[in-house]
């Protein structure tokens, strides 16, 4: 994740993305069998999001349990094998991404009319929203 250049900086000198990567590195250094992450892609640019997702996927393949909290449905559906969708703190759905990321559930939980498609490489569900045209 390229953190070696940050060693001489104080925590208050780091950008939001650098802090996020440092916190993730600290969690990984503990070498626990379970990793609990809260919004691990916050403040990260696209290249770092891709690196974190690749790393988490590989760690999971190696047997590490990863529990991830995210508001990013596309990220969660893209890398997680099971999703728990909450609605006002209560379980709305639990299961595989295909069973949880549905038009009906997203409409019911978020009150929006989603555009559902499939990722061209993984086939996993992806959520889009109709936005106003510029």
C-alpha atoms as a PDB file:
ATOM      1  CA  UNK A   1       0.000   0.000   0.000  1.00  0.00           C
ATOM      2  CA  UNK A   2       3.032   2.258  -0.161  1.00  0.00           C
ATOM      3  CA  UNK A   3       3.195   3.706   3.341  1.00  0.00           C
ATOM      4  CA  UNK A   4       6.980   3.757   3.801  1.00  0.00           C
ATOM      5  CA  UNK A   5       7.219   7.456   2.867  1.00  0.00           C
ATOM      6  CA  UNK A   6       4.835   8.367   5.686  1.00  0.00           C
ATOM      7  CA  UNK A   7       6.919   7.030   8.588  1.00  0.00           C
ATOM      8  CA  UNK A   8       8.498  10.408   9.381  1.00  0.00           C
ATOM      9  CA  UNK A   9       5.172  12.280   9.406  1.00  0.00           C
ATOM     10  CA  UNK A  10       3.014  12.857  12.457  1.00  0.00           C
ATOM     11  CA  UNK A  11      -0.570  11.646  12.325  1.00  0.00           C
ATOM     12  CA  UNK A  12      -1.839  15.242  12.042  1.00  0.00           C
ATOM     13  CA  UNK A  13       0.299  15.774   8.946  1.00  0.00           C
ATOM     14  CA  UNK A  14      -1.383  12.961   7.005  1.00  0.00           C
ATOM     15  CA  UNK A  15      -4.202  13.420   4.536  1.00  0.00           C
ATOM     16  CA  UNK A  16      -7.483  11.610   5.105  1.00  0.00           C
ATOM     17  CA  UNK A  17      -6.521   8.879   2.658  1.00  0.00           C
ATOM     18  CA  UNK A  18      -3.067   8.463   4.196  1.00  0.00           C
ATOM     19  CA  UNK A  19      -4.642   8.143   7.651  1.00  0.00           C
ATOM     20  CA  UNK A  20      -7.076   5.564   6.347  1.00  0.00           C
ATOM     21  CA  UNK A  21      -4.282   3.477   4.831  1.00  0.00           C
ATOM     22  CA  UNK A  22      -2.192   3.796   8.016  1.00  0.00           C
ATOM     23  CA  UNK A  23      -5.095   2.576  10.163  1.00  0.00           C
ATOM     24  CA  UNK A  24      -5.600  -0.389   7.822  1.00  0.00           C
ATOM     25  CA  UNK A  25      -1.870  -1.194   7.947  1.00  0.00           C
ATOM     26  CA  UNK A  26      -1.977  -1.079  11.759  1.00  0.00           C
ATOM     27  CA  UNK A  27      -4.929  -3.490  11.795  1.00  0.00           C
ATOM     28  CA  UNK A  28      -3.135  -5.860   9.412  1.00  0.00           C
ATOM     29  CA  UNK A  29       0.033  -5.772  11.529  1.00  0.00           C
ATOM     30  CA  UNK A  30      -1.916  -7.330  14.405  1.00  0.00           C
ATOM     31  CA  UNK A  31      -2.294 -10.510  12.300  1.00  0.00           C
ATOM     32  CA  UNK A  32      -5.661 -11.447  13.772  1.00  0.00           C
ATOM     33  CA  UNK A  33      -7.827 -14.156  12.152  1.00  0.00           C
ATOM     34  CA  UNK A  34     -10.716 -11.667  11.890  1.00  0.00           C
ATOM     35  CA  UNK A  35     -10.488  -8.143  10.499  1.00  0.00           C
ATOM     36  CA  UNK A  36     -13.301  -5.672  11.265  1.00  0.00           C
ATOM     37  CA  UNK A  37     -13.285  -2.625   8.980  1.00  0.00           C
ATOM     38  CA  UNK A  38     -15.532   0.435   9.090  1.00  0.00           C
ATOM     39  CA  UNK A  39     -15.743   2.258   5.742  1.00  0.00           C
ATOM     40  CA  UNK A  40     -12.250   1.193   4.562  1.00  0.00           C
ATOM     41  CA  UNK A  41     -12.517   3.095   1.273  1.00  0.00           C
ATOM     42  CA  UNK A  42     -13.341   6.504   2.818  1.00  0.00           C
ATOM     43  CA  UNK A  43     -10.965   9.269   1.678  1.00  0.00           C
ATOM     44  CA  UNK A  44      -9.204   6.975  -0.807  1.00  0.00           C
ATOM     45  CA  UNK A  45      -8.719   7.706  -4.484  1.00  0.00           C
ATOM     46  CA  UNK A  46      -9.636   5.075  -7.075  1.00  0.00           C
ATOM     47  CA  UNK A  47      -6.185   3.469  -7.261  1.00  0.00           C
ATOM     48  CA  UNK A  48      -6.036   3.027  -3.486  1.00  0.00           C
ATOM     49  CA  UNK A  49      -9.607   1.694  -3.366  1.00  0.00           C
ATOM     50  CA  UNK A  50      -8.621  -0.889  -5.953  1.00  0.00           C
ATOM     51  CA  UNK A  51      -5.492  -1.809  -3.954  1.00  0.00           C
ATOM     52  CA  UNK A  52      -7.439  -2.168  -0.697  1.00  0.00           C
ATOM     53  CA  UNK A  53     -10.138  -4.278  -2.371  1.00  0.00           C
ATOM     54  CA  UNK A  54      -7.524  -6.541  -3.968  1.00  0.00           C
ATOM     55  CA  UNK A  55      -5.729  -6.914  -0.650  1.00  0.00           C
ATOM     56  CA  UNK A  56      -8.921  -7.738   1.263  1.00  0.00           C
ATOM     57  CA  UNK A  57      -9.984 -10.253  -1.380  1.00  0.00           C
ATOM     58  CA  UNK A  58      -6.596 -11.972  -1.218  1.00  0.00           C
ATOM     59  CA  UNK A  59      -6.572 -12.043   2.588  1.00  0.00           C
ATOM     60  CA  UNK A  60     -10.027 -13.622   2.539  1.00  0.00           C
ATOM     61  CA  UNK A  61      -8.840 -16.255   0.041  1.00  0.00           C
ATOM     62  CA  UNK A  62      -6.025 -17.048   2.480  1.00  0.00           C
ATOM     63  CA  UNK A  63      -8.568 -17.737   5.227  1.00  0.00           C
ATOM     64  CA  UNK A  64      -8.892 -14.410   7.046  1.00  0.00           C
ATOM     65  CA  UNK A  65     -12.448 -13.481   7.979  1.00  0.00           C
ATOM     66  CA  UNK A  66     -13.212  -9.914   6.968  1.00  0.00           C
ATOM     67  CA  UNK A  67     -16.225  -8.032   8.283  1.00  0.00           C
ATOM     68  CA  UNK A  68     -16.706  -4.796   6.406  1.00  0.00           C
ATOM     69  CA  UNK A  69     -19.117  -1.960   7.142  1.00  0.00           C
ATOM     70  CA  UNK A  70     -19.810   0.257   4.147  1.00  0.00           C
ATOM     71  CA  UNK A  71     -22.388   2.589   2.697  1.00  0.00           C
ATOM     72  CA  UNK A  72     -20.939   1.778  -0.734  1.00  0.00           C
ATOM     73  CA  UNK A  73     -23.204  -0.983  -2.029  1.00  0.00           C
ATOM     74  CA  UNK A  74     -21.135  -1.435  -5.165  1.00  0.00           C
ATOM     75  CA  UNK A  75     -17.937  -1.980  -3.204  1.00  0.00           C
ATOM     76  CA  UNK A  76     -19.651  -4.398  -0.810  1.00  0.00           C
ATOM     77  CA  UNK A  77     -21.379  -6.330  -3.593  1.00  0.00           C
ATOM     78  CA  UNK A  78     -18.121  -6.438  -5.535  1.00  0.00           C
ATOM     79  CA  UNK A  79     -15.881  -7.981  -2.881  1.00  0.00           C
ATOM     80  CA  UNK A  80     -18.093  -9.569  -0.227  1.00  0.00           C
ATOM     81  CA  UNK A  81     -19.542 -13.067  -0.372  1.00  0.00           C
ATOM     82  CA  UNK A  82     -22.406 -12.203   2.005  1.00  0.00           C
ATOM     83  CA  UNK A  83     -24.139  -8.923   2.736  1.00  0.00           C
ATOM     84  CA  UNK A  84     -26.239  -7.732   5.644  1.00  0.00           C
ATOM     85  CA  UNK A  85     -28.454  -4.825   4.610  1.00  0.00           C
ATOM     86  CA  UNK A  86     -29.725  -2.736   7.491  1.00  0.00           C
ATOM     87  CA  UNK A  87     -32.800  -0.531   7.535  1.00  0.00           C
ATOM     88  CA  UNK A  88     -32.891   1.838  10.522  1.00  0.00           C
ATOM     89  CA  UNK A  89     -30.659  -0.557  12.467  1.00  0.00           C
ATOM     90  CA  UNK A  90     -32.701  -3.665  11.690  1.00  0.00           C
ATOM     91  CA  UNK A  91     -31.933  -6.474   9.291  1.00  0.00           C
ATOM     92  CA  UNK A  92     -33.603  -5.916   5.932  1.00  0.00           C
ATOM     93  CA  UNK A  93     -31.766  -8.706   4.106  1.00  0.00           C
ATOM     94  CA  UNK A  94     -28.937 -11.175   4.574  1.00  0.00           C
ATOM     95  CA  UNK A  95     -27.388 -13.288   1.862  1.00  0.00           C
ATOM     96  CA  UNK A  96     -25.371 -13.344  -1.317  1.00  0.00           C
ATOM     97  CA  UNK A  97     -24.995 -10.044  -3.201  1.00  0.00           C
ATOM     98  CA  UNK A  98     -27.516 -11.214  -5.827  1.00  0.00           C
ATOM     99  CA  UNK A  99     -30.095 -11.796  -3.093  1.00  0.00           C
ATOM    100  CA  UNK A 100     -29.512  -8.510  -1.265  1.00  0.00           C
ATOM    101  CA  UNK A 101     -28.758  -5.976  -4.000  1.00  0.00           C
ATOM    102  CA  UNK A 102     -32.154  -5.945  -5.675  1.00  0.00           C
ATOM    103  CA  UNK A 103     -34.310  -3.147  -6.988  1.00  0.00           C
ATOM    104  CA  UNK A 104     -37.077  -4.002  -4.526  1.00  0.00           C
ATOM    105  CA  UNK A 105     -34.836  -3.978  -1.433  1.00  0.00           C
ATOM    106  CA  UNK A 106     -32.988  -0.807  -2.419  1.00  0.00           C
ATOM    107  CA  UNK A 107     -36.269   0.933  -3.144  1.00  0.00           C
ATOM    108  CA  UNK A 108     -37.710  -0.171   0.226  1.00  0.00           C
ATOM    109  CA  UNK A 109     -34.627   0.637   2.348  1.00  0.00           C
ATOM    110  CA  UNK A 110     -33.369   3.826   0.685  1.00  0.00           C
ATOM    111  CA  UNK A 111     -36.505   5.216  -0.925  1.00  0.00           C
ATOM    112  CA  UNK A 112     -34.815   5.675  -4.308  1.00  0.00           C
ATOM    113  CA  UNK A 113     -35.441   4.220  -7.727  1.00  0.00           C
ATOM    114  CA  UNK A 114     -32.159   2.413  -8.505  1.00  0.00           C
ATOM    115  CA  UNK A 115     -30.730   1.356 -11.805  1.00  0.00           C
ATOM    116  CA  UNK A 116     -29.437  -2.173 -11.396  1.00  0.00           C
ATOM    117  CA  UNK A 117     -26.826  -3.620 -13.741  1.00  0.00           C
ATOM    118  CA  UNK A 118     -24.064  -6.230 -13.726  1.00  0.00           C
ATOM    119  CA  UNK A 119     -20.362  -5.529 -13.468  1.00  0.00           C
ATOM    120  CA  UNK A 120     -18.902  -6.433 -16.881  1.00  0.00           C
ATOM    121  CA  UNK A 121     -15.997  -8.458 -15.422  1.00  0.00           C
ATOM    122  CA  UNK A 122     -17.419 -10.050 -12.270  1.00  0.00           C
ATOM    123  CA  UNK A 123     -21.121 -10.261 -13.067  1.00  0.00           C
ATOM    124  CA  UNK A 124     -21.873  -8.939  -9.574  1.00  0.00           C
ATOM    125  CA  UNK A 125     -24.788  -6.521  -9.125  1.00  0.00           C
ATOM    126  CA  UNK A 126     -24.098  -2.800  -9.368  1.00  0.00           C
ATOM    127  CA  UNK A 127     -26.358   0.031  -8.299  1.00  0.00           C
ATOM    128  CA  UNK A 128     -26.691   3.291 -10.156  1.00  0.00           C
ATOM    129  CA  UNK A 129     -28.956   6.234  -9.560  1.00  0.00           C
ATOM    130  CA  UNK A 130     -30.630   8.381 -12.190  1.00  0.00           C
ATOM    131  CA  UNK A 131     -29.120  11.815 -11.737  1.00  0.00           C
ATOM    132  CA  UNK A 132     -30.254  15.125 -13.130  1.00  0.00           C
ATOM    133  CA  UNK A 133     -28.654  15.912 -16.467  1.00  0.00           C
ATOM    134  CA  UNK A 134     -26.275  18.862 -16.524  1.00  0.00           C
END
